[in-house]
mmCIF file of all heavy atoms, coordinates in Angstrom:
data_MODEL
# 
_entry.id   MODEL 
# 
loop_
_atom_site.group_PDB 
_atom_site.id 
_atom_site.type_symbol 
_atom_site.label_atom_id 
_atom_site.label_alt_id 
_atom_site.label_comp_id 
_atom_site.label_asym_id 
_atom_site.label_entity_id 
_atom_site.label_seq_id 
_atom_site.pdbx_PDB_ins_code 
_atom_site.Cartn_x 
_atom_site.Cartn_y 
_atom_site.Cartn_z 
_atom_site.occupancy 
_atom_site.B_iso_or_equiv 
_atom_site.pdbx_formal_charge 
_atom_site.auth_seq_id 
_atom_site.auth_comp_id 
_atom_site.auth_asym_id 
_atom_site.auth_atom_id 
_atom_site.pdbx_PDB_model_num 
ATOM 1   N N   . ARG A 1 1  ? 85.914 41.328 88.954 1.00 0.00 ? 1  ARG A N   1 
ATOM 2   C CA  . ARG A 1 1  ? 85.594 40.427 87.850 1.00 0.00 ? 1  ARG A CA  1 
ATOM 3   C C   . ARG A 1 1  ? 85.286 39.031 88.384 1.00 0.00 ? 1  ARG A C   1 
ATOM 4   O O   . ARG A 1 1  ? 84.340 38.389 87.957 1.00 0.00 ? 1  ARG A O   1 
ATOM 5   C CB  . ARG A 1 1  ? 86.765 40.386 86.860 1.00 0.00 ? 1  ARG A CB  1 
ATOM 6   C CG  . ARG A 1 1  ? 86.336 39.962 85.467 1.00 0.00 ? 1  ARG A CG  1 
ATOM 7   C CD  . ARG A 1 1  ? 87.480 40.108 84.465 1.00 0.00 ? 1  ARG A CD  1 
ATOM 8   N NE  . ARG A 1 1  ? 87.928 41.471 84.326 1.00 0.00 ? 1  ARG A NE  1 
ATOM 9   C CZ  . ARG A 1 1  ? 89.199 41.871 84.429 1.00 0.00 ? 1  ARG A CZ  1 
ATOM 10  N NH1 . ARG A 1 1  ? 90.139 40.987 84.670 1.00 0.00 ? 1  ARG A NH1 1 
ATOM 11  N NH2 . ARG A 1 1  ? 89.520 43.132 84.278 1.00 0.00 ? 1  ARG A NH2 1 
ATOM 12  N N   . THR A 1 2  ? 86.100 38.535 89.323 1.00 0.00 ? 2  THR A N   1 
ATOM 13  C CA  . THR A 1 2  ? 85.858 37.193 89.850 1.00 0.00 ? 2  THR A CA  1 
ATOM 14  C C   . THR A 1 2  ? 84.568 37.164 90.652 1.00 0.00 ? 2  THR A C   1 
ATOM 15  O O   . THR A 1 2  ? 83.804 36.212 90.575 1.00 0.00 ? 2  THR A O   1 
ATOM 16  C CB  . THR A 1 2  ? 87.033 36.719 90.733 1.00 0.00 ? 2  THR A CB  1 
ATOM 17  O OG1 . THR A 1 2  ? 87.275 37.709 91.729 1.00 0.00 ? 2  THR A OG1 1 
ATOM 18  C CG2 . THR A 1 2  ? 88.287 36.506 89.915 1.00 0.00 ? 2  THR A CG2 1 
ATOM 19  N N   . VAL A 1 3  ? 84.294 38.221 91.405 1.00 0.00 ? 3  VAL A N   1 
ATOM 20  C CA  . VAL A 1 3  ? 83.049 38.287 92.165 1.00 0.00 ? 3  VAL A CA  1 
ATOM 21  C C   . VAL A 1 3  ? 81.862 38.276 91.211 1.00 0.00 ? 3  VAL A C   1 
ATOM 22  O O   . VAL A 1 3  ? 80.900 37.547 91.424 1.00 0.00 ? 3  VAL A O   1 
ATOM 23  C CB  . VAL A 1 3  ? 83.026 39.544 93.062 1.00 0.00 ? 3  VAL A CB  1 
ATOM 24  C CG1 . VAL A 1 3  ? 81.615 39.802 93.592 1.00 0.00 ? 3  VAL A CG1 1 
ATOM 25  C CG2 . VAL A 1 3  ? 83.994 39.385 94.217 1.00 0.00 ? 3  VAL A CG2 1 
ATOM 26  N N   . ASP A 1 4  ? 81.942 39.056 90.148 1.00 0.00 ? 4  ASP A N   1 
ATOM 27  C CA  . ASP A 1 4  ? 80.859 39.090 89.164 1.00 0.00 ? 4  ASP A CA  1 
ATOM 28  C C   . ASP A 1 4  ? 80.626 37.708 88.566 1.00 0.00 ? 4  ASP A C   1 
ATOM 29  O O   . ASP A 1 4  ? 79.491 37.278 88.420 1.00 0.00 ? 4  ASP A O   1 
ATOM 30  C CB  . ASP A 1 4  ? 81.178 40.092 88.051 1.00 0.00 ? 4  ASP A CB  1 
ATOM 31  C CG  . ASP A 1 4  ? 80.993 41.526 88.518 1.00 0.00 ? 4  ASP A CG  1 
ATOM 32  O OD1 . ASP A 1 4  ? 80.463 41.715 89.627 1.00 0.00 ? 4  ASP A OD1 1 
ATOM 33  O OD2 . ASP A 1 4  ? 81.380 42.440 87.784 1.00 0.00 ? 4  ASP A OD2 1 
ATOM 34  N N   . ALA A 1 5  ? 81.710 37.018 88.238 1.00 0.00 ? 5  ALA A N   1 
ATOM 35  C CA  . ALA A 1 5  ? 81.579 35.705 87.605 1.00 0.00 ? 5  ALA A CA  1 
ATOM 36  C C   . ALA A 1 5  ? 80.895 34.720 88.542 1.00 0.00 ? 5  ALA A C   1 
ATOM 37  O O   . ALA A 1 5  ? 79.965 34.025 88.136 1.00 0.00 ? 5  ALA A O   1 
ATOM 38  C CB  . ALA A 1 5  ? 82.956 35.180 87.201 1.00 0.00 ? 5  ALA A CB  1 
ATOM 39  N N   . SER A 1 6  ? 81.321 34.673 89.791 1.00 0.00 ? 6  SER A N   1 
ATOM 40  C CA  . SER A 1 6  ? 80.706 33.726 90.724 1.00 0.00 ? 6  SER A CA  1 
ATOM 41  C C   . SER A 1 6  ? 79.279 34.141 91.035 1.00 0.00 ? 6  SER A C   1 
ATOM 42  O O   . SER A 1 6  ? 78.394 33.294 91.168 1.00 0.00 ? 6  SER A O   1 
ATOM 43  C CB  . SER A 1 6  ? 81.524 33.624 92.012 1.00 0.00 ? 6  SER A CB  1 
ATOM 44  O OG  . SER A 1 6  ? 81.540 34.855 92.683 1.00 0.00 ? 6  SER A OG  1 
ATOM 45  N N   . TYR A 1 7  ? 79.044 35.440 91.122 1.00 0.00 ? 7  TYR A N   1 
ATOM 46  C CA  . TYR A 1 7  ? 77.676 35.923 91.389 1.00 0.00 ? 7  TYR A CA  1 
ATOM 47  C C   . TYR A 1 7  ? 76.753 35.530 90.240 1.00 0.00 ? 7  TYR A C   1 
ATOM 48  O O   . TYR A 1 7  ? 75.651 35.035 90.467 1.00 0.00 ? 7  TYR A O   1 
ATOM 49  C CB  . TYR A 1 7  ? 77.687 37.438 91.567 1.00 0.00 ? 7  TYR A CB  1 
ATOM 50  C CG  . TYR A 1 7  ? 76.296 38.019 91.633 1.00 0.00 ? 7  TYR A CG  1 
ATOM 51  C CD1 . TYR A 1 7  ? 75.553 37.930 92.805 1.00 0.00 ? 7  TYR A CD1 1 
ATOM 52  C CD2 . TYR A 1 7  ? 75.722 38.632 90.521 1.00 0.00 ? 7  TYR A CD2 1 
ATOM 53  C CE1 . TYR A 1 7  ? 74.268 38.442 92.872 1.00 0.00 ? 7  TYR A CE1 1 
ATOM 54  C CE2 . TYR A 1 7  ? 74.448 39.147 90.584 1.00 0.00 ? 7  TYR A CE2 1 
ATOM 55  C CZ  . TYR A 1 7  ? 73.725 39.053 91.755 1.00 0.00 ? 7  TYR A CZ  1 
ATOM 56  O OH  . TYR A 1 7  ? 72.453 39.554 91.804 1.00 0.00 ? 7  TYR A OH  1 
ATOM 57  N N   . LEU A 1 8  ? 77.239 35.723 89.021 1.00 0.00 ? 8  LEU A N   1 
ATOM 58  C CA  . LEU A 1 8  ? 76.423 35.382 87.851 1.00 0.00 ? 8  LEU A CA  1 
ATOM 59  C C   . LEU A 1 8  ? 76.137 33.893 87.822 1.00 0.00 ? 8  LEU A C   1 
ATOM 60  O O   . LEU A 1 8  ? 75.034 33.474 87.486 1.00 0.00 ? 8  LEU A O   1 
ATOM 61  C CB  . LEU A 1 8  ? 77.143 35.807 86.572 1.00 0.00 ? 8  LEU A CB  1 
ATOM 62  C CG  . LEU A 1 8  ? 76.959 37.273 86.178 1.00 0.00 ? 8  LEU A CG  1 
ATOM 63  C CD1 . LEU A 1 8  ? 77.809 37.600 84.959 1.00 0.00 ? 8  LEU A CD1 1 
ATOM 64  C CD2 . LEU A 1 8  ? 75.496 37.582 85.900 1.00 0.00 ? 8  LEU A CD2 1 
ATOM 65  N N   . LYS A 1 9  ? 77.156 33.082 88.180 1.00 0.00 ? 9  LYS A N   1 
ATOM 66  C CA  . LYS A 1 9  ? 76.959 31.638 88.178 1.00 0.00 ? 9  LYS A CA  1 
ATOM 67  C C   . LYS A 1 9  ? 75.857 31.268 89.167 1.00 0.00 ? 9  LYS A C   1 
ATOM 68  O O   . LYS A 1 9  ? 74.955 30.500 88.848 1.00 0.00 ? 9  LYS A O   1 
ATOM 69  C CB  . LYS A 1 9  ? 78.275 30.939 88.540 1.00 0.00 ? 9  LYS A CB  1 
ATOM 70  C CG  . LYS A 1 9  ? 78.298 29.468 88.162 1.00 0.00 ? 9  LYS A CG  1 
ATOM 71  C CD  . LYS A 1 9  ? 79.704 28.911 88.206 1.00 0.00 ? 9  LYS A CD  1 
ATOM 72  C CE  . LYS A 1 9  ? 80.205 28.840 89.629 1.00 0.00 ? 9  LYS A CE  1 
ATOM 73  N NZ  . LYS A 1 9  ? 81.522 28.190 89.716 1.00 0.00 ? 9  LYS A NZ  1 
ATOM 74  N N   . HIS A 1 10 ? 75.912 31.844 90.377 1.00 0.00 ? 10 HIS A N   1 
ATOM 75  C CA  . HIS A 1 10 ? 74.903 31.547 91.374 1.00 0.00 ? 10 HIS A CA  1 
ATOM 76  C C   . HIS A 1 10 ? 73.533 32.073 90.946 1.00 0.00 ? 10 HIS A C   1 
ATOM 77  O O   . HIS A 1 10 ? 72.524 31.428 91.171 1.00 0.00 ? 10 HIS A O   1 
ATOM 78  C CB  . HIS A 1 10 ? 75.291 32.160 92.729 1.00 0.00 ? 10 HIS A CB  1 
ATOM 79  C CG  . HIS A 1 10 ? 76.439 31.466 93.372 1.00 0.00 ? 10 HIS A CG  1 
ATOM 80  N ND1 . HIS A 1 10 ? 77.520 32.136 93.878 1.00 0.00 ? 10 HIS A ND1 1 
ATOM 81  C CD2 . HIS A 1 10 ? 76.694 30.160 93.575 1.00 0.00 ? 10 HIS A CD2 1 
ATOM 82  C CE1 . HIS A 1 10 ? 78.376 31.265 94.371 1.00 0.00 ? 10 HIS A CE1 1 
ATOM 83  N NE2 . HIS A 1 10 ? 77.902 30.060 94.200 1.00 0.00 ? 10 HIS A NE2 1 
ATOM 84  N N   . PHE A 1 11 ? 73.540 33.236 90.319 1.00 0.00 ? 11 PHE A N   1 
ATOM 85  C CA  . PHE A 1 11 ? 72.276 33.818 89.861 1.00 0.00 ? 11 PHE A CA  1 
ATOM 86  C C   . PHE A 1 11 ? 71.636 32.920 88.802 1.00 0.00 ? 11 PHE A C   1 
ATOM 87  O O   . PHE A 1 11 ? 70.443 32.626 88.861 1.00 0.00 ? 11 PHE A O   1 
ATOM 88  C CB  . PHE A 1 11 ? 72.527 35.214 89.298 1.00 0.00 ? 11 PHE A CB  1 
ATOM 89  C CG  . PHE A 1 11 ? 71.280 35.883 88.810 1.00 0.00 ? 11 PHE A CG  1 
ATOM 90  C CD1 . PHE A 1 11 ? 70.381 36.413 89.706 1.00 0.00 ? 11 PHE A CD1 1 
ATOM 91  C CD2 . PHE A 1 11 ? 71.018 35.975 87.452 1.00 0.00 ? 11 PHE A CD2 1 
ATOM 92  C CE1 . PHE A 1 11 ? 69.217 37.026 89.265 1.00 0.00 ? 11 PHE A CE1 1 
ATOM 93  C CE2 . PHE A 1 11 ? 69.859 36.586 86.999 1.00 0.00 ? 11 PHE A CE2 1 
ATOM 94  C CZ  . PHE A 1 11 ? 68.964 37.113 87.916 1.00 0.00 ? 11 PHE A CZ  1 
ATOM 95  N N   . ASN A 1 12 ? 72.458 32.461 87.852 1.00 0.00 ? 12 ASN A N   1 
ATOM 96  C CA  . ASN A 1 12 ? 71.944 31.570 86.805 1.00 0.00 ? 12 ASN A CA  1 
ATOM 97  C C   . ASN A 1 12 ? 71.399 30.290 87.416 1.00 0.00 ? 12 ASN A C   1 
ATOM 98  O O   . ASN A 1 12 ? 70.358 29.786 87.005 1.00 0.00 ? 12 ASN A O   1 
ATOM 99  C CB  . ASN A 1 12 ? 73.048 31.239 85.795 1.00 0.00 ? 12 ASN A CB  1 
ATOM 100 C CG  . ASN A 1 12 ? 73.347 32.426 84.899 1.00 0.00 ? 12 ASN A CG  1 
ATOM 101 O OD1 . ASN A 1 12 ? 72.527 33.311 84.735 1.00 0.00 ? 12 ASN A OD1 1 
ATOM 102 N ND2 . ASN A 1 12 ? 74.535 32.432 84.315 1.00 0.00 ? 12 ASN A ND2 1 
ATOM 103 N N   . GLN A 1 13 ? 72.116 29.770 88.431 1.00 0.00 ? 13 GLN A N   1 
ATOM 104 C CA  . GLN A 1 13 ? 71.674 28.552 89.093 1.00 0.00 ? 13 GLN A CA  1 
ATOM 105 C C   . GLN A 1 13 ? 70.332 28.781 89.778 1.00 0.00 ? 13 GLN A C   1 
ATOM 106 O O   . GLN A 1 13 ? 69.434 27.947 89.715 1.00 0.00 ? 13 GLN A O   1 
ATOM 107 C CB  . GLN A 1 13 ? 72.732 28.115 90.127 1.00 0.00 ? 13 GLN A CB  1 
ATOM 108 C CG  . GLN A 1 13 ? 72.585 26.678 90.568 1.00 0.00 ? 13 GLN A CG  1 
ATOM 109 C CD  . GLN A 1 13 ? 72.760 25.700 89.425 1.00 0.00 ? 13 GLN A CD  1 
ATOM 110 O OE1 . GLN A 1 13 ? 73.688 25.812 88.624 1.00 0.00 ? 13 GLN A OE1 1 
ATOM 111 N NE2 . GLN A 1 13 ? 71.870 24.743 89.330 1.00 0.00 ? 13 GLN A NE2 1 
ATOM 112 N N   . ALA A 1 14 ? 70.192 29.934 90.420 1.00 0.00 ? 14 ALA A N   1 
ATOM 113 C CA  . ALA A 1 14 ? 68.946 30.258 91.113 1.00 0.00 ? 14 ALA A CA  1 
ATOM 114 C C   . ALA A 1 14 ? 67.797 30.365 90.120 1.00 0.00 ? 14 ALA A C   1 
ATOM 115 O O   . ALA A 1 14 ? 66.694 29.886 90.379 1.00 0.00 ? 14 ALA A O   1 
ATOM 116 C CB  . ALA A 1 14 ? 69.106 31.561 91.889 1.00 0.00 ? 14 ALA A CB  1 
ATOM 117 N N   . VAL A 1 15 ? 68.054 30.993 88.981 1.00 0.00 ? 15 VAL A N   1 
ATOM 118 C CA  . VAL A 1 15 ? 67.018 31.129 87.955 1.00 0.00 ? 15 VAL A CA  1 
ATOM 119 C C   . VAL A 1 15 ? 66.608 29.759 87.432 1.00 0.00 ? 15 VAL A C   1 
ATOM 120 O O   . VAL A 1 15 ? 65.415 29.470 87.277 1.00 0.00 ? 15 VAL A O   1 
ATOM 121 C CB  . VAL A 1 15 ? 67.512 32.033 86.805 1.00 0.00 ? 15 VAL A CB  1 
ATOM 122 C CG1 . VAL A 1 15 ? 66.553 31.961 85.621 1.00 0.00 ? 15 VAL A CG1 1 
ATOM 123 C CG2 . VAL A 1 15 ? 67.643 33.468 87.300 1.00 0.00 ? 15 VAL A CG2 1 
ATOM 124 N N   . LEU A 1 16 ? 67.585 28.891 87.201 1.00 0.00 ? 16 LEU A N   1 
ATOM 125 C CA  . LEU A 1 16 ? 67.274 27.542 86.725 1.00 0.00 ? 16 LEU A CA  1 
ATOM 126 C C   . LEU A 1 16 ? 66.437 26.791 87.746 1.00 0.00 ? 16 LEU A C   1 
ATOM 127 O O   . LEU A 1 16 ? 65.462 26.131 87.394 1.00 0.00 ? 16 LEU A O   1 
ATOM 128 C CB  . LEU A 1 16 ? 68.568 26.767 86.448 1.00 0.00 ? 16 LEU A CB  1 
ATOM 129 C CG  . LEU A 1 16 ? 69.285 27.120 85.144 1.00 0.00 ? 16 LEU A CG  1 
ATOM 130 C CD1 . LEU A 1 16 ? 70.616 26.387 85.062 1.00 0.00 ? 16 LEU A CD1 1 
ATOM 131 C CD2 . LEU A 1 16 ? 68.418 26.784 83.946 1.00 0.00 ? 16 LEU A CD2 1 
ATOM 132 N N   . ASN A 1 17 ? 66.816 26.903 89.029 1.00 0.00 ? 17 ASN A N   1 
ATOM 133 C CA  . ASN A 1 17 ? 66.051 26.227 90.076 1.00 0.00 ? 17 ASN A CA  1 
ATOM 134 C C   . ASN A 1 17 ? 64.632 26.751 90.123 1.00 0.00 ? 17 ASN A C   1 
ATOM 135 O O   . ASN A 1 17 ? 63.678 25.987 90.293 1.00 0.00 ? 17 ASN A O   1 
ATOM 136 C CB  . ASN A 1 17 ? 66.736 26.431 91.443 1.00 0.00 ? 17 ASN A CB  1 
ATOM 137 C CG  . ASN A 1 17 ? 68.005 25.599 91.558 1.00 0.00 ? 17 ASN A CG  1 
ATOM 138 O OD1 . ASN A 1 17 ? 68.193 24.644 90.830 1.00 0.00 ? 17 ASN A OD1 1 
ATOM 139 N ND2 . ASN A 1 17 ? 68.867 25.983 92.473 1.00 0.00 ? 17 ASN A ND2 1 
ATOM 140 N N   . LEU A 1 18 ? 64.485 28.067 89.973 1.00 0.00 ? 18 LEU A N   1 
ATOM 141 C CA  . LEU A 1 18 ? 63.160 28.680 89.994 1.00 0.00 ? 18 LEU A CA  1 
ATOM 142 C C   . LEU A 1 18 ? 62.315 28.151 88.840 1.00 0.00 ? 18 LEU A C   1 
ATOM 143 O O   . LEU A 1 18 ? 61.152 27.788 89.018 1.00 0.00 ? 18 LEU A O   1 
ATOM 144 C CB  . LEU A 1 18 ? 63.297 30.198 89.898 1.00 0.00 ? 18 LEU A CB  1 
ATOM 145 C CG  . LEU A 1 18 ? 62.001 30.993 90.047 1.00 0.00 ? 18 LEU A CG  1 
ATOM 146 C CD1 . LEU A 1 18 ? 61.425 30.812 91.444 1.00 0.00 ? 18 LEU A CD1 1 
ATOM 147 C CD2 . LEU A 1 18 ? 62.256 32.458 89.754 1.00 0.00 ? 18 LEU A CD2 1 
ATOM 148 N N   . GLU A 1 19 ? 62.914 28.067 87.662 1.00 0.00 ? 19 GLU A N   1 
ATOM 149 C CA  . GLU A 1 19 ? 62.185 27.568 86.498 1.00 0.00 ? 19 GLU A CA  1 
ATOM 150 C C   . GLU A 1 19 ? 61.777 26.110 86.695 1.00 0.00 ? 19 GLU A C   1 
ATOM 151 O O   . GLU A 1 19 ? 60.663 25.715 86.354 1.00 0.00 ? 19 GLU A O   1 
ATOM 152 C CB  . GLU A 1 19 ? 63.033 27.733 85.240 1.00 0.00 ? 19 GLU A CB  1 
ATOM 153 C CG  . GLU A 1 19 ? 63.144 29.181 84.785 1.00 0.00 ? 19 GLU A CG  1 
ATOM 154 C CD  . GLU A 1 19 ? 64.036 29.336 83.573 1.00 0.00 ? 19 GLU A CD  1 
ATOM 155 O OE1 . GLU A 1 19 ? 64.752 28.380 83.218 1.00 0.00 ? 19 GLU A OE1 1 
ATOM 156 O OE2 . GLU A 1 19 ? 64.008 30.430 82.974 1.00 0.00 ? 19 GLU A OE2 1 
ATOM 157 N N   . LEU A 1 20 ? 62.688 25.306 87.272 1.00 0.00 ? 20 LEU A N   1 
ATOM 158 C CA  . LEU A 1 20 ? 62.359 23.908 87.534 1.00 0.00 ? 20 LEU A CA  1 
ATOM 159 C C   . LEU A 1 20 ? 61.202 23.805 88.514 1.00 0.00 ? 20 LEU A C   1 
ATOM 160 O O   . LEU A 1 20 ? 60.285 23.008 88.333 1.00 0.00 ? 20 LEU A O   1 
ATOM 161 C CB  . LEU A 1 20 ? 63.583 23.171 88.092 1.00 0.00 ? 20 LEU A CB  1 
ATOM 162 C CG  . LEU A 1 20 ? 64.642 22.780 87.065 1.00 0.00 ? 20 LEU A CG  1 
ATOM 163 C CD1 . LEU A 1 20 ? 65.850 22.182 87.760 1.00 0.00 ? 20 LEU A CD1 1 
ATOM 164 C CD2 . LEU A 1 20 ? 64.065 21.785 86.060 1.00 0.00 ? 20 LEU A CD2 1 
ATOM 165 N N   . ASN A 1 21 ? 61.246 24.629 89.562 1.00 0.00 ? 21 ASN A N   1 
ATOM 166 C CA  . ASN A 1 21 ? 60.162 24.621 90.548 1.00 0.00 ? 21 ASN A CA  1 
ATOM 167 C C   . ASN A 1 21 ? 58.842 25.009 89.904 1.00 0.00 ? 21 ASN A C   1 
ATOM 168 O O   . ASN A 1 21 ? 57.806 24.404 90.185 1.00 0.00 ? 21 ASN A O   1 
ATOM 169 C CB  . ASN A 1 21 ? 60.481 25.572 91.711 1.00 0.00 ? 21 ASN A CB  1 
ATOM 170 C CG  . ASN A 1 21 ? 61.573 25.009 92.601 1.00 0.00 ? 21 ASN A CG  1 
ATOM 171 O OD1 . ASN A 1 21 ? 61.828 23.821 92.599 1.00 0.00 ? 21 ASN A OD1 1 
ATOM 172 N ND2 . ASN A 1 21 ? 62.215 25.884 93.358 1.00 0.00 ? 21 ASN A ND2 1 
ATOM 173 N N   . LEU A 1 22 ? 58.871 26.011 89.035 1.00 0.00 ? 22 LEU A N   1 
ATOM 174 C CA  . LEU A 1 22 ? 57.642 26.437 88.362 1.00 0.00 ? 22 LEU A CA  1 
ATOM 175 C C   . LEU A 1 22 ? 57.097 25.320 87.482 1.00 0.00 ? 22 LEU A C   1 
ATOM 176 O O   . LEU A 1 22 ? 55.894 25.078 87.439 1.00 0.00 ? 22 LEU A O   1 
ATOM 177 C CB  . LEU A 1 22 ? 57.916 27.691 87.525 1.00 0.00 ? 22 LEU A CB  1 
ATOM 178 C CG  . LEU A 1 22 ? 58.077 28.982 88.325 1.00 0.00 ? 22 LEU A CG  1 
ATOM 179 C CD1 . LEU A 1 22 ? 58.518 30.114 87.400 1.00 0.00 ? 22 LEU A CD1 1 
ATOM 180 C CD2 . LEU A 1 22 ? 56.763 29.355 89.001 1.00 0.00 ? 22 LEU A CD2 1 
ATOM 181 N N   . GLN A 1 23 ? 57.995 24.627 86.785 1.00 0.00 ? 23 GLN A N   1 
ATOM 182 C CA  . GLN A 1 23 ? 57.552 23.526 85.930 1.00 0.00 ? 23 GLN A CA  1 
ATOM 183 C C   . GLN A 1 23 ? 56.923 22.418 86.765 1.00 0.00 ? 23 GLN A C   1 
ATOM 184 O O   . GLN A 1 23 ? 55.888 21.867 86.408 1.00 0.00 ? 23 GLN A O   1 
ATOM 185 C CB  . GLN A 1 23 ? 58.741 22.964 85.136 1.00 0.00 ? 23 GLN A CB  1 
ATOM 186 C CG  . GLN A 1 23 ? 59.154 23.860 83.974 1.00 0.00 ? 23 GLN A CG  1 
ATOM 187 C CD  . GLN A 1 23 ? 60.389 23.337 83.271 1.00 0.00 ? 23 GLN A CD  1 
ATOM 188 O OE1 . GLN A 1 23 ? 60.949 22.326 83.676 1.00 0.00 ? 23 GLN A OE1 1 
ATOM 189 N NE2 . GLN A 1 23 ? 60.824 24.029 82.245 1.00 0.00 ? 23 GLN A NE2 1 
ATOM 190 N N   . GLU A 1 24 ? 57.555 22.102 87.918 1.00 0.00 ? 24 GLU A N   1 
ATOM 191 C CA  . GLU A 1 24 ? 57.001 21.062 88.782 1.00 0.00 ? 24 GLU A CA  1 
ATOM 192 C C   . GLU A 1 24 ? 55.630 21.459 89.302 1.00 0.00 ? 24 GLU A C   1 
ATOM 193 O O   . GLU A 1 24 ? 54.709 20.648 89.349 1.00 0.00 ? 24 GLU A O   1 
ATOM 194 C CB  . GLU A 1 24 ? 57.960 20.792 89.952 1.00 0.00 ? 24 GLU A CB  1 
ATOM 195 C CG  . GLU A 1 24 ? 59.202 20.032 89.535 1.00 0.00 ? 24 GLU A CG  1 
ATOM 196 C CD  . GLU A 1 24 ? 60.188 19.869 90.674 1.00 0.00 ? 24 GLU A CD  1 
ATOM 197 O OE1 . GLU A 1 24 ? 59.893 20.308 91.797 1.00 0.00 ? 24 GLU A OE1 1 
ATOM 198 O OE2 . GLU A 1 24 ? 61.262 19.309 90.431 1.00 0.00 ? 24 GLU A OE2 1 
ATOM 199 N N   . GLU A 1 25 ? 55.484 22.734 89.689 1.00 0.00 ? 25 GLU A N   1 
ATOM 200 C CA  . GLU A 1 25 ? 54.186 23.212 90.178 1.00 0.00 ? 25 GLU A CA  1 
ATOM 201 C C   . GLU A 1 25 ? 53.138 23.104 89.079 1.00 0.00 ? 25 GLU A C   1 
ATOM 202 O O   . GLU A 1 25 ? 52.003 22.703 89.317 1.00 0.00 ? 25 GLU A O   1 
ATOM 203 C CB  . GLU A 1 25 ? 54.300 24.665 90.652 1.00 0.00 ? 25 GLU A CB  1 
ATOM 204 C CG  . GLU A 1 25 ? 55.044 24.821 91.967 1.00 0.00 ? 25 GLU A CG  1 
ATOM 205 C CD  . GLU A 1 25 ? 54.352 24.114 93.106 1.00 0.00 ? 25 GLU A CD  1 
ATOM 206 O OE1 . GLU A 1 25 ? 53.116 24.180 93.195 1.00 0.00 ? 25 GLU A OE1 1 
ATOM 207 O OE2 . GLU A 1 25 ? 55.046 23.454 93.909 1.00 0.00 ? 25 GLU A OE2 1 
ATOM 208 N N   . ARG A 1 26 ? 53.517 23.443 87.844 1.00 0.00 ? 26 ARG A N   1 
ATOM 209 C CA  . ARG A 1 26 ? 52.595 23.384 86.728 1.00 0.00 ? 26 ARG A CA  1 
ATOM 210 C C   . ARG A 1 26 ? 52.145 21.949 86.507 1.00 0.00 ? 26 ARG A C   1 
ATOM 211 O O   . ARG A 1 26 ? 50.976 21.658 86.258 1.00 0.00 ? 26 ARG A O   1 
ATOM 212 C CB  . ARG A 1 26 ? 53.280 23.954 85.475 1.00 0.00 ? 26 ARG A CB  1 
ATOM 213 C CG  . ARG A 1 26 ? 52.316 24.668 84.561 1.00 0.00 ? 26 ARG A CG  1 
ATOM 214 C CD  . ARG A 1 26 ? 53.036 25.374 83.430 1.00 0.00 ? 26 ARG A CD  1 
ATOM 215 N NE  . ARG A 1 26 ? 53.744 26.559 83.870 1.00 0.00 ? 26 ARG A NE  1 
ATOM 216 C CZ  . ARG A 1 26 ? 55.003 26.860 83.532 1.00 0.00 ? 26 ARG A CZ  1 
ATOM 217 N NH1 . ARG A 1 26 ? 55.694 26.077 82.736 1.00 0.00 ? 26 ARG A NH1 1 
ATOM 218 N NH2 . ARG A 1 26 ? 55.556 27.958 83.972 1.00 0.00 ? 26 ARG A NH2 1 
# 
C-alpha cells in the first residue's frame, strides 16, 4: 500500500511535468 501511494504520487508528478512541458512547447 505504501509503495503504491508513493508510486502514484511520483506518477502524478511525472504526468503534471509532462503536461507542463507540452504546454510550454505549444
